[in-house]
């Protein structure tokens, strides 16, 4: 993996962890399990030429 792909993956994972925290504090508002495919999309964006 390239460093850009790892950066995108880390940023997306951090957002998902933030959503889990929001769910714990304010009750269930985000369905984080439904957002897991975005991890693959984040890595794919790193390899597309127009996102570099």
N, C-alpha and C. Protein backbone atom coordinates (compact mmCIF):
# COMPACT_ATOMS: atom_id res chain seq x y z
N UNK A 1 0.83 -1.18 0.00
CA UNK A 1 0.00 0.00 0.00
C UNK A 1 0.87 1.24 0.00
N UNK A 2 0.40 2.23 -0.66
CA UNK A 2 1.12 3.50 -0.69
C UNK A 2 0.81 4.29 0.59
N UNK A 3 1.60 5.30 0.82
CA UNK A 3 1.37 6.11 2.01
C UNK A 3 0.06 6.89 1.91
N UNK A 4 -0.32 7.27 0.71
CA UNK A 4 -1.59 7.98 0.52
C UNK A 4 -2.77 7.06 0.84
N UNK A 5 -2.67 5.79 0.44
CA UNK A 5 -3.74 4.84 0.75
C UNK A 5 -3.85 4.62 2.26
N UNK A 6 -2.72 4.54 2.94
CA UNK A 6 -2.75 4.39 4.39
C UNK A 6 -3.31 5.64 5.07
N UNK A 7 -3.00 6.80 4.53
CA UNK A 7 -3.55 8.04 5.09
C UNK A 7 -5.07 8.07 4.95
N UNK A 8 -5.57 7.72 3.77
CA UNK A 8 -7.02 7.69 3.55
C UNK A 8 -7.68 6.66 4.45
N UNK A 9 -7.06 5.49 4.59
CA UNK A 9 -7.60 4.44 5.43
C UNK A 9 -7.63 4.87 6.89
N UNK A 10 -6.58 5.52 7.33
CA UNK A 10 -6.51 5.99 8.71
C UNK A 10 -7.55 7.07 8.98
N UNK A 11 -7.71 8.00 8.05
CA UNK A 11 -8.69 9.07 8.22
C UNK A 11 -10.11 8.49 8.28
N UNK A 12 -10.41 7.56 7.40
CA UNK A 12 -11.74 6.96 7.37
C UNK A 12 -11.99 6.14 8.63
N UNK A 13 -10.99 5.40 9.08
CA UNK A 13 -11.13 4.64 10.31
C UNK A 13 -11.35 5.53 11.51
N UNK A 14 -10.68 6.66 11.53
CA UNK A 14 -10.87 7.61 12.64
C UNK A 14 -12.28 8.16 12.66
N UNK A 15 -12.83 8.43 11.50
CA UNK A 15 -14.21 8.91 11.43
C UNK A 15 -15.18 7.85 11.92
N UNK A 16 -14.94 6.58 11.56
CA UNK A 16 -15.82 5.51 12.02
C UNK A 16 -15.72 5.33 13.54
N UNK A 17 -14.53 5.45 14.09
CA UNK A 17 -14.36 5.36 15.54
C UNK A 17 -15.07 6.52 16.23
N UNK A 18 -15.01 7.71 15.63
CA UNK A 18 -15.74 8.86 16.17
C UNK A 18 -17.25 8.57 16.19
N UNK A 19 -17.76 7.94 15.13
CA UNK A 19 -19.20 7.61 15.07
C UNK A 19 -19.58 6.62 16.16
N UNK A 20 -18.69 5.67 16.46
CA UNK A 20 -18.96 4.73 17.56
C UNK A 20 -19.04 5.49 18.87
N UNK A 21 -18.15 6.44 19.08
CA UNK A 21 -18.19 7.25 20.29
C UNK A 21 -19.46 8.06 20.41
N UNK A 22 -19.91 8.63 19.31
CA UNK A 22 -21.17 9.39 19.31
C UNK A 22 -22.33 8.47 19.67
N UNK A 23 -22.30 7.24 19.14
CA UNK A 23 -23.35 6.28 19.48
C UNK A 23 -23.35 5.95 20.96
N UNK A 24 -22.17 5.83 21.56
CA UNK A 24 -22.09 5.50 22.99
C UNK A 24 -22.59 6.65 23.86
N UNK A 25 -22.32 7.87 23.46
CA UNK A 25 -22.69 9.02 24.28
C UNK A 25 -24.15 9.43 24.09
N UNK A 26 -24.60 9.50 22.84
CA UNK A 26 -25.92 10.05 22.55
C UNK A 26 -26.96 9.01 22.15
N UNK A 27 -26.65 7.76 22.25
CA UNK A 27 -27.58 6.73 21.80
C UNK A 27 -27.30 6.39 20.35
N UNK A 28 -28.00 5.42 19.82
CA UNK A 28 -27.71 4.94 18.47
C UNK A 28 -28.24 5.91 17.42
N UNK A 29 -27.32 6.58 16.74
CA UNK A 29 -27.69 7.49 15.66
C UNK A 29 -27.04 7.09 14.34
N UNK A 30 -25.84 6.50 14.42
CA UNK A 30 -25.12 6.08 13.22
C UNK A 30 -25.04 4.56 13.19
N UNK A 31 -25.31 3.98 12.06
CA UNK A 31 -25.13 2.54 11.90
C UNK A 31 -23.75 2.32 11.30
N UNK A 32 -22.77 2.14 12.16
CA UNK A 32 -21.38 2.09 11.75
C UNK A 32 -21.10 0.84 10.93
N UNK A 33 -21.75 -0.26 11.22
CA UNK A 33 -21.52 -1.50 10.45
C UNK A 33 -21.89 -1.32 8.98
N UNK A 34 -22.86 -0.47 8.70
CA UNK A 34 -23.23 -0.20 7.31
C UNK A 34 -22.23 0.69 6.60
N UNK A 35 -21.37 1.35 7.37
CA UNK A 35 -20.36 2.25 6.79
C UNK A 35 -19.02 1.55 6.54
N UNK A 36 -18.88 0.28 6.90
CA UNK A 36 -17.60 -0.41 6.74
C UNK A 36 -17.11 -0.52 5.29
N UNK A 37 -17.98 -0.66 4.29
CA UNK A 37 -17.47 -0.71 2.92
C UNK A 37 -16.74 0.54 2.48
N UNK A 38 -16.93 1.65 3.17
CA UNK A 38 -16.23 2.88 2.81
C UNK A 38 -14.72 2.74 3.02
N UNK A 39 -14.29 1.78 3.83
CA UNK A 39 -12.86 1.54 4.00
C UNK A 39 -12.24 1.09 2.68
N UNK A 40 -12.94 0.25 1.94
CA UNK A 40 -12.44 -0.18 0.63
C UNK A 40 -12.46 0.97 -0.37
N UNK A 41 -13.48 1.78 -0.30
CA UNK A 41 -13.58 2.93 -1.20
C UNK A 41 -12.45 3.92 -0.95
N UNK A 42 -12.09 4.11 0.32
CA UNK A 42 -11.02 5.04 0.66
C UNK A 42 -9.69 4.57 0.08
N UNK A 43 -9.43 3.27 0.13
CA UNK A 43 -8.19 2.75 -0.44
C UNK A 43 -8.22 2.84 -1.96
N UNK A 44 -9.37 2.57 -2.56
CA UNK A 44 -9.47 2.66 -4.03
C UNK A 44 -9.25 4.09 -4.51
N UNK A 45 -9.72 5.07 -3.76
CA UNK A 45 -9.53 6.47 -4.15
C UNK A 45 -8.05 6.84 -4.20
N UNK A 46 -7.25 6.20 -3.36
CA UNK A 46 -5.82 6.51 -3.34
C UNK A 46 -5.13 6.04 -4.63
N UNK A 47 -5.70 5.06 -5.30
CA UNK A 47 -5.08 4.53 -6.51
C UNK A 47 -5.66 5.12 -7.80
N UNK A 48 -6.70 5.92 -7.70
CA UNK A 48 -7.26 6.56 -8.88
C UNK A 48 -6.41 7.77 -9.25
N UNK A 49 -6.14 7.96 -10.53
CA UNK A 49 -5.22 9.02 -10.91
C UNK A 49 -5.71 10.45 -10.63
N UNK A 50 -7.00 10.69 -10.63
CA UNK A 50 -7.47 12.07 -10.44
C UNK A 50 -7.58 12.44 -8.96
N UNK A 51 -7.26 11.54 -8.04
CA UNK A 51 -7.23 11.88 -6.61
C UNK A 51 -5.81 12.01 -6.08
N UNK A 52 -4.83 11.90 -6.93
CA UNK A 52 -3.43 12.00 -6.49
C UNK A 52 -2.95 13.40 -6.48
